[in-house]
Amino acid sequence: MKSVLCKSYGPPENLVLEEVPDLTPGENEAVVEVYAASLNFPDGLQIQGKYQFQPPMPFTPGSEVGGVIKEVGPGFDHYKVGDRVMAIPGIGGLAEQVIVKPESVRRIPDNMDFKTAAGFAMVYTTSYHALKQRANLQPGESLLVLGASGGVGLSAVELGKVMGARVIAAASTDEKLDFVRQYHPDATINYGDGELKEKVKALTNDRGADVIYDPVGGDLFDQSCRCINWNGRLLVIGFTSGRIPEYKANLALLKGSSMVGVFLGRFRKEEPEAYEQNLNELLEMYAAGKLNPIVTQSFPKEEYVKAFNIFTQRQAKGKVTLEFKSE
């Protein structure tokens, strides 16, 4: 089988696509034949050696896939050979085959294609956990989504609308905001000029946003601390800007606000039943037509460098996938 391999830390150009031995499942494992694999911002950090969890070299990046169960090992009786699934192996997804555990696999609806399956679980479970458990978002509250054109940002805009919030989608260019408008946010903000604070206040009668969803960090986090409402919740999703900001305690005091961390991996480990319930609810929303995930850019496996550079150049809009096999 072919696999994208990281043999030395660095830019996507350091990666190689090589032939490696086929996989064999062990106890309570299965092999998924990968049709599509999703790329996420942390994958780009991992190949540079900058992520909080670094597998030993060499490794195959890629944390989520859509495909078919190819082979099952002893004790793996949750799914059978031939089942169409989405999986979150955590590592190894950018390959024609990947090993999975039962808890990382879900059967997909008949009307969900493999590209959609590959890009569904991580962004939607991240945003749903953030808005449901961490922010306790209520109908009628104002939700400001930064980086709204990216994968997690779009899912937050979409889920915010489903949950009854007044959603303000914010991005760095008008082009990105035009893309986001297909999800019908109530208002949009271009923060490319550095004037986020005043624009948010103008849209919220000078009160600020009740919940701020921030996957960007850096200067936008600093401004968010100053345009949040009384009892507001500032959700820390990630730091795509590259700078991890510092939280000023005096602003929390003056605003009565909270900074709330969102770490999907830890949530999944510490509260597996709540995670599974969230995923069940999300799949029900999809089946009911309430969610419309969009894979905007899909590349053949040979163009893995181009796919990764969508993130390094900060051009991601929606989900980006690599195709390993045609449906």
C-alpha atoms as a PDB file:
ATOM      1  CA  MET A   1       0.000   0.000   0.000  1.00  0.00           C
ATOM      2  CA  LYS A   2       1.029   3.640  -0.411  1.00  0.00           C
ATOM      3  CA  SER A   3       1.464   5.917   2.587  1.00  0.00           C
ATOM      4  CA  VAL A   4       2.489   9.542   3.150  1.00  0.00           C
ATOM      5  CA  LEU A   5       5.479   9.424   5.513  1.00  0.00           C
ATOM      6  CA  CYS A   6       7.155  12.011   7.719  1.00  0.00           C
ATOM      7  CA  LYS A   7      10.817  11.065   8.114  1.00  0.00           C
ATOM      8  CA  SER A   8      12.122  14.457   9.197  1.00  0.00           C
ATOM      9  CA  TYR A   9      10.421  17.496  10.703  1.00  0.00           C
ATOM     10  CA  GLY A  10       9.805  20.405   8.409  1.00  0.00           C
ATOM     11  CA  PRO A  11       7.474  21.745   5.712  1.00  0.00           C
ATOM     12  CA  PRO A  12       5.149  19.532   3.637  1.00  0.00           C
ATOM     13  CA  GLU A  13       7.865  19.273   0.972  1.00  0.00           C
ATOM     14  CA  ASN A  14       9.793  17.023   3.393  1.00  0.00           C
ATOM     15  CA  LEU A  15       7.069  14.376   3.267  1.00  0.00           C
ATOM     16  CA  VAL A  16       7.295  11.385   0.919  1.00  0.00           C
ATOM     17  CA  LEU A  17       4.741   9.031  -0.624  1.00  0.00           C
ATOM     18  CA  GLU A  18       6.105   5.500  -0.451  1.00  0.00           C
ATOM     19  CA  GLU A  19       5.097   1.885  -0.814  1.00  0.00           C
ATOM     20  CA  VAL A  20       4.913   0.176   2.595  1.00  0.00           C
ATOM     21  CA  PRO A  21       3.701  -3.283   3.724  1.00  0.00           C
ATOM     22  CA  ASP A  22      -0.038  -3.895   4.000  1.00  0.00           C
ATOM     23  CA  LEU A  23      -1.420  -3.731   7.520  1.00  0.00           C
ATOM     24  CA  THR A  24      -2.602  -6.657   9.641  1.00  0.00           C
ATOM     25  CA  PRO A  25      -5.067  -6.074  12.481  1.00  0.00           C
ATOM     26  CA  GLY A  26      -4.240  -7.226  16.000  1.00  0.00           C
ATOM     27  CA  GLU A  27      -6.489  -8.015  18.934  1.00  0.00           C
ATOM     28  CA  ASN A  28      -9.605  -5.816  18.900  1.00  0.00           C
ATOM     29  CA  GLU A  29      -8.421  -3.948  15.808  1.00  0.00           C
ATOM     30  CA  ALA A  30      -9.577  -3.575  12.220  1.00  0.00           C
ATOM     31  CA  VAL A  31      -8.016  -2.371   8.990  1.00  0.00           C
ATOM     32  CA  VAL A  32      -9.903   0.338   7.128  1.00  0.00           C
ATOM     33  CA  GLU A  33      -9.348   0.704   3.393  1.00  0.00           C
ATOM     34  CA  VAL A  34      -9.090   4.469   3.057  1.00  0.00           C
ATOM     35  CA  TYR A  35     -11.045   6.191   0.316  1.00  0.00           C
ATOM     36  CA  ALA A  36     -10.555   9.748   1.614  1.00  0.00           C
ATOM     37  CA  ALA A  37      -8.533  11.286   4.436  1.00  0.00           C
ATOM     38  CA  SER A  38      -9.089  14.707   5.921  1.00  0.00           C
ATOM     39  CA  LEU A  39      -6.337  17.208   6.677  1.00  0.00           C
ATOM     40  CA  ASN A  40      -6.552  19.373   9.777  1.00  0.00           C
ATOM     41  CA  PHE A  41      -4.429  22.239  11.084  1.00  0.00           C
ATOM     42  CA  PRO A  42      -2.769  20.076  13.793  1.00  0.00           C
ATOM     43  CA  ASP A  43      -1.469  17.713  11.098  1.00  0.00           C
ATOM     44  CA  GLY A  44       0.624  20.577   9.755  1.00  0.00           C
ATOM     45  CA  LEU A  45       2.008  21.236  13.224  1.00  0.00           C
ATOM     46  CA  GLN A  46       2.794  17.578  13.772  1.00  0.00           C
ATOM     47  CA  ILE A  47       4.959  17.220  10.669  1.00  0.00           C
ATOM     48  CA  GLN A  48       6.948  20.220  11.917  1.00  0.00           C
ATOM     49  CA  GLY A  49       7.414  18.738  15.397  1.00  0.00           C
ATOM     50  CA  LYS A  50       5.315  21.500  16.953  1.00  0.00           C
ATOM     51  CA  TYR A  51       2.272  19.586  18.200  1.00  0.00           C
ATOM     52  CA  GLN A  52       1.726  18.545  21.832  1.00  0.00           C
ATOM     53  CA  PHE A  53       1.697  14.864  20.838  1.00  0.00           C
ATOM     54  CA  GLN A  54       4.499  13.670  18.569  1.00  0.00           C
ATOM     55  CA  PRO A  55       4.630  10.050  17.376  1.00  0.00           C
ATOM     56  CA  PRO A  56       8.023   8.382  16.863  1.00  0.00           C
ATOM     57  CA  MET A  57       9.691   8.715  13.472  1.00  0.00           C
ATOM     58  CA  PRO A  58       8.878   7.794  10.796  1.00  0.00           C
ATOM     59  CA  PHE A  59       5.125   8.276  10.982  1.00  0.00           C
ATOM     60  CA  THR A  60       2.133   8.737   8.732  1.00  0.00           C
ATOM     61  CA  PRO A  61       0.131  11.870   9.601  1.00  0.00           C
ATOM     62  CA  GLY A  62      -3.634  12.087   9.311  1.00  0.00           C
ATOM     63  CA  SER A  63      -6.215  11.792  12.048  1.00  0.00           C
ATOM     64  CA  GLU A  64      -9.517  11.041  10.302  1.00  0.00           C
ATOM     65  CA  VAL A  65     -10.656   9.013   7.300  1.00  0.00           C
ATOM     66  CA  GLY A  66     -13.646   7.675   5.417  1.00  0.00           C
ATOM     67  CA  GLY A  67     -13.518   4.180   3.991  1.00  0.00           C
ATOM     68  CA  VAL A  68     -14.511   0.530   4.221  1.00  0.00           C
ATOM     69  CA  ILE A  69     -13.664  -2.139   6.793  1.00  0.00           C
ATOM     70  CA  LYS A  70     -11.177  -4.388   4.968  1.00  0.00           C
ATOM     71  CA  GLU A  71     -10.194  -6.877   7.682  1.00  0.00           C
ATOM     72  CA  VAL A  72     -10.977  -7.430  11.357  1.00  0.00           C
ATOM     73  CA  GLY A  73      -8.787  -8.911  14.067  1.00  0.00           C
ATOM     74  CA  PRO A  74      -9.712 -11.218  16.959  1.00  0.00           C
ATOM     75  CA  GLY A  75     -12.325  -9.687  19.258  1.00  0.00           C
ATOM     76  CA  PHE A  76     -13.320  -6.914  16.852  1.00  0.00           C
ATOM     77  CA  ASP A  77     -17.031  -7.659  16.539  1.00  0.00           C
ATOM     78  CA  HIS A  78     -18.450  -4.122  16.392  1.00  0.00           C
ATOM     79  CA  TYR A  79     -18.388  -3.864  12.597  1.00  0.00           C
ATOM     80  CA  LYS A  80     -17.959  -6.332   9.749  1.00  0.00           C
ATOM     81  CA  VAL A  81     -15.904  -6.447   6.577  1.00  0.00           C
ATOM     82  CA  GLY A  82     -17.477  -4.221   3.925  1.00  0.00           C
ATOM     83  CA  ASP A  83     -19.062  -1.707   6.326  1.00  0.00           C
ATOM     84  CA  ARG A  84     -18.802   1.926   5.192  1.00  0.00           C
ATOM     85  CA  VAL A  85     -17.296   3.917   8.077  1.00  0.00           C
ATOM     86  CA  MET A  86     -15.761   7.123   9.312  1.00  0.00           C
ATOM     87  CA  ALA A  87     -12.801   6.692  11.640  1.00  0.00           C
ATOM     88  CA  ILE A  88     -10.562   8.826  13.826  1.00  0.00           C
ATOM     89  CA  PRO A  89      -7.377   6.775  14.196  1.00  0.00           C
ATOM     90  CA  GLY A  90      -5.503   9.790  15.573  1.00  0.00           C
ATOM     91  CA  ILE A  91      -2.479   9.031  13.403  1.00  0.00           C
ATOM     92  CA  GLY A  92      -1.804   7.119  10.185  1.00  0.00           C
ATOM     93  CA  GLY A  93      -4.756   8.343   8.154  1.00  0.00           C
ATOM     94  CA  LEU A  94      -2.870   9.547   5.054  1.00  0.00           C
ATOM     95  CA  ALA A  95      -2.461   6.077   3.635  1.00  0.00           C
ATOM     96  CA  GLU A  96      -4.363   3.484   1.648  1.00  0.00           C
ATOM     97  CA  GLN A  97      -4.940   1.512   4.859  1.00  0.00           C
ATOM     98  CA  VAL A  98      -5.118   2.423   8.545  1.00  0.00           C
ATOM     99  CA  ILE A  99      -5.490   0.449  11.793  1.00  0.00           C
ATOM    100  CA  VAL A 100      -8.456   1.442  13.968  1.00  0.00           C
ATOM    101  CA  LYS A 101      -9.913   0.562  17.373  1.00  0.00           C
ATOM    102  CA  PRO A 102     -13.674   0.055  17.896  1.00  0.00           C
ATOM    103  CA  GLU A 103     -14.113   3.331  19.767  1.00  0.00           C
ATOM    104  CA  SER A 104     -12.686   5.324  16.848  1.00  0.00           C
ATOM    105  CA  VAL A 105     -15.065   3.952  14.190  1.00  0.00           C
ATOM    106  CA  ARG A 106     -18.636   4.824  13.235  1.00  0.00           C
ATOM    107  CA  ARG A 107     -20.825   3.444  10.473  1.00  0.00           C
ATOM    108  CA  ILE A 108     -21.868   6.256   8.128  1.00  0.00           C
ATOM    109  CA  PRO A 109     -25.310   6.998   6.677  1.00  0.00           C
ATOM    110  CA  ASP A 110     -26.005   5.619   3.203  1.00  0.00           C
ATOM    111  CA  ASN A 111     -26.279   9.154   1.819  1.00  0.00           C
ATOM    112  CA  MET A 112     -22.860  10.263   3.161  1.00  0.00           C
ATOM    113  CA  ASP A 113     -19.927   9.943   0.762  1.00  0.00           C
ATOM    114  CA  PHE A 114     -16.416   9.106   1.922  1.00  0.00           C
ATOM    115  CA  LYS A 115     -15.022  12.626   1.526  1.00  0.00           C
ATOM    116  CA  THR A 116     -17.778  14.003   3.737  1.00  0.00           C
ATOM    117  CA  ALA A 117     -17.239  11.161   6.210  1.00  0.00           C
ATOM    118  CA  ALA A 118     -13.514  11.908   6.372  1.00  0.00           C
ATOM    119  CA  GLY A 119     -14.126  15.540   7.254  1.00  0.00           C
ATOM    120  CA  PHE A 120     -17.125  15.259   9.539  1.00  0.00           C
ATOM    121  CA  ALA A 121     -16.273  13.963  12.987  1.00  0.00           C
ATOM    122  CA  MET A 122     -13.431  16.133  14.246  1.00  0.00           C
ATOM    123  CA  VAL A 123     -14.716  19.567  13.303  1.00  0.00           C
ATOM    124  CA  TYR A 124     -18.305  18.949  14.307  1.00  0.00           C
ATOM    125  CA  THR A 125     -17.531  17.178  17.587  1.00  0.00           C
ATOM    126  CA  THR A 126     -15.043  19.929  18.462  1.00  0.00           C
ATOM    127  CA  SER A 127     -17.549  22.709  17.843  1.00  0.00           C
ATOM    128  CA  TYR A 128     -20.485  20.895  19.411  1.00  0.00           C
ATOM    129  CA  HIS A 129     -18.488  20.124  22.560  1.00  0.00           C
ATOM    130  CA  ALA A 130     -17.357  23.756  22.669  1.00  0.00           C
ATOM    131  CA  LEU A 131     -20.830  25.240  22.282  1.00  0.00           C
ATOM    132  CA  LYS A 132     -22.809  22.620  24.212  1.00  0.00           C
ATOM    133  CA  GLN A 133     -20.660  21.539  27.170  1.00  0.00           C
ATOM    134  CA  ARG A 134     -18.101  24.325  27.488  1.00  0.00           C
ATOM    135  CA  ALA A 135     -20.129  27.446  26.619  1.00  0.00           C
ATOM    136  CA  ASN A 136     -23.640  26.217  27.458  1.00  0.00           C
ATOM    137  CA  LEU A 137     -24.803  28.312  24.509  1.00  0.00           C
ATOM    138  CA  GLN A 138     -28.427  29.382  24.859  1.00  0.00           C
ATOM    139  CA  PRO A 139     -31.001  30.350  22.211  1.00  0.00           C
ATOM    140  CA  GLY A 140     -30.936  34.076  21.589  1.00  0.00           C
ATOM    141  CA  GLU A 141     -27.352  34.574  22.772  1.00  0.00           C
ATOM    142  CA  SER A 142     -24.824  36.186  20.466  1.00  0.00           C
ATOM    143  CA  LEU A 143     -22.040  33.915  19.184  1.00  0.00           C
ATOM    144  CA  LEU A 144     -18.940  35.418  17.558  1.00  0.00           C
ATOM    145  CA  VAL A 145     -17.006  32.880  15.458  1.00  0.00           C
ATOM    146  CA  LEU A 146     -13.442  33.835  14.526  1.00  0.00           C
ATOM    147  CA  GLY A 147     -11.770  32.098  11.593  1.00  0.00           C
ATOM    148  CA  ALA A 148     -15.272  31.353  10.368  1.00  0.00           C
ATOM    149  CA  SER A 149     -14.251  30.126   6.904  1.00  0.00           C
ATOM    150  CA  GLY A 150     -12.081  27.262   8.174  1.00  0.00           C
ATOM    151  CA  GLY A 151     -13.276  23.752   8.963  1.00  0.00           C
ATOM    152  CA  VAL A 152     -13.989  24.210  12.662  1.00  0.00           C
ATOM    153  CA  GLY A 153     -15.182  27.784  12.134  1.00  0.00           C
ATOM    154  CA  LEU A 154     -17.786  26.780   9.566  1.00  0.00           C
ATOM    155  CA  SER A 155     -19.065  23.990  11.805  1.00  0.00           C
ATOM    156  CA  ALA A 156     -19.393  26.473  14.678  1.00  0.00           C
ATOM    157  CA  VAL A 157     -21.379  28.889  12.505  1.00  0.00           C
ATOM    158  CA  GLU A 158     -23.652  26.080  11.368  1.00  0.00           C
ATOM    159  CA  LEU A 159     -24.174  24.607  14.845  1.00  0.00           C
ATOM    160  CA  GLY A 160     -24.673  28.044  16.383  1.00  0.00           C
ATOM    161  CA  LYS A 161     -27.589  28.596  14.005  1.00  0.00           C
ATOM    162  CA  VAL A 162     -29.039  25.149  14.764  1.00  0.00           C
ATOM    163  CA  MET A 163     -28.787  25.902  18.499  1.00  0.00           C
ATOM    164  CA  GLY A 164     -30.693  29.179  18.110  1.00  0.00           C
ATOM    165  CA  ALA A 165     -27.900  31.698  18.637  1.00  0.00           C
ATOM    166  CA  ARG A 166     -27.427  34.995  16.817  1.00  0.00           C
ATOM    167  CA  VAL A 167     -24.272  34.160  14.892  1.00  0.00           C
ATOM    168  CA  ILE A 168     -21.637  36.717  13.885  1.00  0.00           C
ATOM    169  CA  ALA A 169     -19.148  35.152  11.468  1.00  0.00           C
ATOM    170  CA  ALA A 170     -15.735  36.821  11.322  1.00  0.00           C
ATOM    171  CA  ALA A 171     -12.860  36.246   8.885  1.00  0.00           C
ATOM    172  CA  SER A 172      -9.829  38.059   7.506  1.00  0.00           C
ATOM    173  CA  THR A 173     -11.051  38.758   3.945  1.00  0.00           C
ATOM    174  CA  ASP A 174     -14.263  39.559   2.090  1.00  0.00           C
ATOM    175  CA  GLU A 175     -13.669  36.491  -0.103  1.00  0.00           C
ATOM    176  CA  LYS A 176     -13.730  34.222   2.939  1.00  0.00           C
ATOM    177  CA  LEU A 177     -16.860  35.921   4.263  1.00  0.00           C
ATOM    178  CA  ASP A 178     -18.599  35.445   0.910  1.00  0.00           C
ATOM    179  CA  PHE A 179     -17.885  31.731   1.296  1.00  0.00           C
ATOM    180  CA  VAL A 180     -19.248  31.651   4.865  1.00  0.00           C
ATOM    181  CA  ARG A 181     -22.540  33.339   3.894  1.00  0.00           C
ATOM    182  CA  GLN A 182     -23.888  30.091   2.455  1.00  0.00           C
ATOM    183  CA  TYR A 183     -24.422  29.089   6.109  1.00  0.00           C
ATOM    184  CA  HIS A 184     -26.527  32.196   6.710  1.00  0.00           C
ATOM    185  CA  PRO A 185     -24.844  33.905   9.669  1.00  0.00           C
ATOM    186  CA  ASP A 186     -26.836  36.807  11.074  1.00  0.00           C
ATOM    187  CA  ALA A 187     -23.931  39.208  10.560  1.00  0.00           C
ATOM    188  CA  THR A 188     -20.354  39.174   9.280  1.00  0.00           C
ATOM    189  CA  ILE A 189     -17.147  40.985  10.211  1.00  0.00           C
ATOM    190  CA  ASN A 190     -13.961  41.434   8.217  1.00  0.00           C
ATOM    191  CA  TYR A 191     -11.237  41.763  10.867  1.00  0.00           C
ATOM    192  CA  GLY A 192      -8.434  42.084   8.337  1.00  0.00           C
ATOM    193  CA  ASP A 193      -8.067  45.748   9.284  1.00  0.00           C
ATOM    194  CA  GLY A 194      -7.470  44.919  12.967  1.00  0.00           C
ATOM    195  CA  GLU A 195     -10.702  46.545  14.141  1.00  0.00           C
ATOM    196  CA  LEU A 196     -12.534  43.570  15.605  1.00  0.00           C
ATOM    197  CA  LYS A 197     -13.453  45.128  18.938  1.00  0.00           C
ATOM    198  CA  GLU A 198     -15.392  48.124  17.645  1.00  0.00           C
ATOM    199  CA  LYS A 199     -17.181  46.115  14.958  1.00  0.00           C
ATOM    200  CA  VAL A 200     -18.397  43.551  17.496  1.00  0.00           C
ATOM    201  CA  LYS A 201     -19.635  46.244  19.842  1.00  0.00           C
ATOM    202  CA  ALA A 202     -21.482  47.948  16.999  1.00  0.00           C
ATOM    203  CA  LEU A 203     -23.330  44.708  16.229  1.00  0.00           C
ATOM    204  CA  THR A 204     -24.217  43.978  19.860  1.00  0.00           C
ATOM    205  CA  ASN A 205     -25.462  47.373  21.082  1.00  0.00           C
ATOM    206  CA  ASP A 206     -22.093  47.963  22.749  1.00  0.00           C
ATOM    207  CA  ARG A 207     -22.558  44.914  25.001  1.00  0.00           C
ATOM    208  CA  GLY A 208     -20.130  42.524  23.321  1.00  0.00           C
ATOM    209  CA  ALA A 209     -20.641  38.897  22.332  1.00  0.00           C
ATOM    210  CA  ASP A 210     -22.000  36.366  24.821  1.00  0.00           C
ATOM    211  CA  VAL A 211     -19.826  33.558  23.465  1.00  0.00           C
ATOM    212  CA  ILE A 212     -16.640  33.938  21.406  1.00  0.00           C
ATOM    213  CA  TYR A 213     -15.301  30.916  19.510  1.00  0.00           C
ATOM    214  CA  ASP A 214     -11.576  31.438  18.894  1.00  0.00           C
ATOM    215  CA  PRO A 215      -9.446  28.969  16.913  1.00  0.00           C
ATOM    216  CA  VAL A 216      -7.028  31.764  15.922  1.00  0.00           C
ATOM    217  CA  GLY A 217      -5.440  33.182  19.082  1.00  0.00           C
ATOM    218  CA  GLY A 218      -2.837  35.941  18.868  1.00  0.00           C
ATOM    219  CA  ASP A 219      -4.077  39.511  18.453  1.00  0.00           C
ATOM    220  CA  LEU A 220      -7.668  38.392  17.885  1.00  0.00           C
ATOM    221  CA  PHE A 221      -7.737  36.763  21.313  1.00  0.00           C
ATOM    222  CA  ASP A 222      -6.473  40.011  22.850  1.00  0.00           C
ATOM    223  CA  GLN A 223      -9.273  41.962  21.173  1.00  0.00           C
ATOM    224  CA  SER A 224     -11.851  39.314  22.074  1.00  0.00           C
ATOM    225  CA  CYS A 225     -11.157  39.851  25.773  1.00  0.00           C
ATOM    226  CA  ARG A 226     -12.280  43.448  25.253  1.00  0.00           C
ATOM    227  CA  CYS A 227     -15.466  42.817  23.261  1.00  0.00           C
ATOM    228  CA  ILE A 228     -17.107  40.128  25.351  1.00  0.00           C
ATOM    229  CA  ASN A 229     -20.374  40.612  27.219  1.00  0.00           C
ATOM    230  CA  TRP A 230     -20.956  40.368  30.963  1.00  0.00           C
ATOM    231  CA  ASN A 231     -20.885  36.662  31.883  1.00  0.00           C
ATOM    232  CA  GLY A 232     -19.388  35.957  28.454  1.00  0.00           C
ATOM    233  CA  ARG A 233     -17.462  32.789  27.616  1.00  0.00           C
ATOM    234  CA  LEU A 234     -14.303  32.954  25.509  1.00  0.00           C
ATOM    235  CA  LEU A 235     -13.671  29.529  23.985  1.00  0.00           C
ATOM    236  CA  VAL A 236     -10.028  28.679  23.320  1.00  0.00           C
ATOM    237  CA  ILE A 237      -9.999  26.257  20.363  1.00  0.00           C
ATOM    238  CA  GLY A 238      -6.473  26.713  19.008  1.00  0.00           C
ATOM    239  CA  PHE A 239      -3.815  29.096  17.776  1.00  0.00           C
ATOM    240  CA  THR A 240      -3.696  29.136  13.985  1.00  0.00           C
ATOM    241  CA  SER A 241      -2.145  32.612  14.115  1.00  0.00           C
ATOM    242  CA  GLY A 242       0.960  31.036  15.631  1.00  0.00           C
ATOM    243  CA  ARG A 243       1.026  33.097  18.848  1.00  0.00           C
ATOM    244  CA  ILE A 244      -0.326  31.703  22.100  1.00  0.00           C
ATOM    245  CA  PRO A 245      -1.779  34.756  23.862  1.00  0.00           C
ATOM    246  CA  GLU A 246      -1.910  35.582  27.565  1.00  0.00           C
ATOM    247  CA  TYR A 247      -5.187  36.114  29.402  1.00  0.00           C
ATOM    248  CA  LYS A 248      -5.397  39.319  31.413  1.00  0.00           C
ATOM    249  CA  ALA A 249      -7.041  38.502  34.736  1.00  0.00           C
ATOM    250  CA  ASN A 250      -8.245  42.075  35.251  1.00  0.00           C
ATOM    251  CA  LEU A 251     -10.386  41.820  32.102  1.00  0.00           C
ATOM    252  CA  ALA A 252     -12.048  38.680  33.443  1.00  0.00           C
ATOM    253  CA  LEU A 253     -12.777  40.570  36.642  1.00  0.00           C
ATOM    254  CA  LEU A 254     -14.220  43.638  34.928  1.00  0.00           C
ATOM    255  CA  LYS A 255     -16.305  41.637  32.447  1.00  0.00           C
ATOM    256  CA  GLY A 256     -17.356  38.834  34.768  1.00  0.00           C
ATOM    257  CA  SER A 257     -16.268  36.651  31.868  1.00  0.00           C
ATOM    258  CA  SER A 258     -14.590  33.263  31.586  1.00  0.00           C
ATOM    259  CA  MET A 259     -11.864  31.828  29.394  1.00  0.00           C
ATOM    260  CA  VAL A 260     -12.807  28.211  28.688  1.00  0.00           C
ATOM    261  CA  GLY A 261     -10.476  25.649  27.148  1.00  0.00           C
ATOM    262  CA  VAL A 262     -11.740  23.228  24.486  1.00  0.00           C
ATOM    263  CA  PHE A 263      -9.663  20.070  23.985  1.00  0.00           C
ATOM    264  CA  LEU A 264     -11.569  17.386  22.112  1.00  0.00           C
ATOM    265  CA  GLY A 265      -9.031  14.618  22.699  1.00  0.00           C
ATOM    266  CA  ARG A 266      -9.100  15.023  26.469  1.00  0.00           C
ATOM    267  CA  PHE A 267     -12.914  15.301  26.480  1.00  0.00           C
ATOM    268  CA  ARG A 268     -13.161  12.086  24.484  1.00  0.00           C
ATOM    269  CA  LYS A 269     -10.877  10.323  26.974  1.00  0.00           C
ATOM    270  CA  GLU A 270     -12.370  11.715  30.192  1.00  0.00           C
ATOM    271  CA  GLU A 271     -16.053  11.685  29.188  1.00  0.00           C
ATOM    272  CA  PRO A 272     -16.477   8.988  26.528  1.00  0.00           C
ATOM    273  CA  GLU A 273     -20.224   8.629  27.057  1.00  0.00           C
ATOM    274  CA  ALA A 274     -20.806  12.374  26.588  1.00  0.00           C
ATOM    275  CA  TYR A 275     -18.596  12.321  23.483  1.00  0.00           C
ATOM    276  CA  GLU A 276     -20.565   9.407  22.005  1.00  0.00           C
ATOM    277  CA  GLN A 277     -23.841  11.155  22.767  1.00  0.00           C
ATOM    278  CA  ASN A 278     -22.605  14.278  21.001  1.00  0.00           C
ATOM    279  CA  LEU A 279     -21.611  12.290  17.926  1.00  0.00           C
ATOM    280  CA  ASN A 280     -24.965  10.504  17.912  1.00  0.00           C
ATOM    281  CA  GLU A 281     -26.785  13.832  18.012  1.00  0.00           C
ATOM    282  CA  LEU A 282     -24.619  15.234  15.220  1.00  0.00           C
ATOM    283  CA  LEU A 283     -25.293  12.254  12.967  1.00  0.00           C
ATOM    284  CA  GLU A 284     -29.010  12.641  13.689  1.00  0.00           C
ATOM    285  CA  MET A 285     -28.753  16.323  12.681  1.00  0.00           C
ATOM    286  CA  TYR A 286     -27.027  15.272   9.455  1.00  0.00           C
ATOM    287  CA  ALA A 287     -29.675  12.645   8.719  1.00  0.00           C
ATOM    288  CA  ALA A 288     -32.385  15.242   9.317  1.00  0.00           C
ATOM    289  CA  GLY A 289     -30.761  17.662   6.862  1.00  0.00           C
ATOM    290  CA  LYS A 290     -29.815  20.204   9.553  1.00  0.00           C
ATOM    291  CA  LEU A 291     -26.088  19.993   8.795  1.00  0.00           C
ATOM    292  CA  ASN A 292     -24.501  20.467   5.395  1.00  0.00           C
ATOM    293  CA  PRO A 293     -20.764  19.724   5.613  1.00  0.00           C
ATOM    294  CA  ILE A 294     -18.796  20.909   2.610  1.00  0.00           C
ATOM    295  CA  VAL A 295     -15.489  19.544   1.339  1.00  0.00           C
ATOM    296  CA  THR A 296     -14.245  22.438  -0.737  1.00  0.00           C
ATOM    297  CA  GLN A 297     -10.867  21.093  -1.850  1.00  0.00           C
ATOM    298  CA  SER A 298      -9.974  17.482  -2.584  1.00  0.00           C
ATOM    299  CA  PHE A 299      -6.639  16.332  -3.994  1.00  0.00           C
ATOM    300  CA  PRO A 300      -5.335  13.018  -5.302  1.00  0.00           C
ATOM    301  CA  LYS A 301      -2.913  11.382  -2.869  1.00  0.00           C
ATOM    302  CA  GLU A 302       0.067  12.349  -5.040  1.00  0.00           C
ATOM    303  CA  GLU A 303      -0.688  16.044  -4.392  1.00  0.00           C
ATOM    304  CA  TYR A 304      -0.269  15.852  -0.614  1.00  0.00           C
ATOM    305  CA  VAL A 305       2.145  18.802  -0.594  1.00  0.00           C
ATOM    306  CA  LYS A 306      -0.383  21.058  -2.291  1.00  0.00           C
ATOM    307  CA  ALA A 307      -3.064  19.944   0.164  1.00  0.00           C
ATOM    308  CA  PHE A 308      -0.905  20.655   3.223  1.00  0.00           C
ATOM    309  CA  ASN A 309       0.102  24.056   1.866  1.00  0.00           C
ATOM    310  CA  ILE A 310      -3.542  25.149   1.865  1.00  0.00           C
ATOM    311  CA  PHE A 311      -3.046  25.359   5.642  1.00  0.00           C
ATOM    312  CA  THR A 312       0.496  26.746   5.702  1.00  0.00           C
ATOM    313  CA  GLN A 313      -0.637  29.557   3.397  1.00  0.00           C
ATOM    314  CA  ARG A 314      -3.795  30.094   5.496  1.00  0.00           C
ATOM    315  CA  GLN A 315      -6.079  29.608   2.498  1.00  0.00           C
ATOM    316  CA  ALA A 316      -8.300  26.881   3.947  1.00  0.00           C
ATOM    317  CA  LYS A 317     -12.019  27.295   3.327  1.00  0.00           C
ATOM    318  CA  GLY A 318     -14.080  24.410   4.624  1.00  0.00           C
ATOM    319  CA  LYS A 319     -12.554  20.935   4.630  1.00  0.00           C
ATOM    320  CA  VAL A 320      -9.538  19.679   2.670  1.00  0.00           C
ATOM    321  CA  THR A 321      -9.164  15.984   1.819  1.00  0.00           C
ATOM    322  CA  LEU A 322      -6.810  13.613   0.040  1.00  0.00           C
ATOM    323  CA  GLU A 323      -8.349  10.890  -2.118  1.00  0.00           C
ATOM    324  CA  PHE A 324      -6.781   7.437  -1.899  1.00  0.00           C
ATOM    325  CA  LYS A 325      -9.436   5.489  -3.785  1.00  0.00           C
ATOM    326  CA  SER A 326     -12.409   6.414  -5.960  1.00  0.00           C
ATOM    327  CA  GLU A 327     -15.924   5.511  -4.835  1.00  0.00           C
END
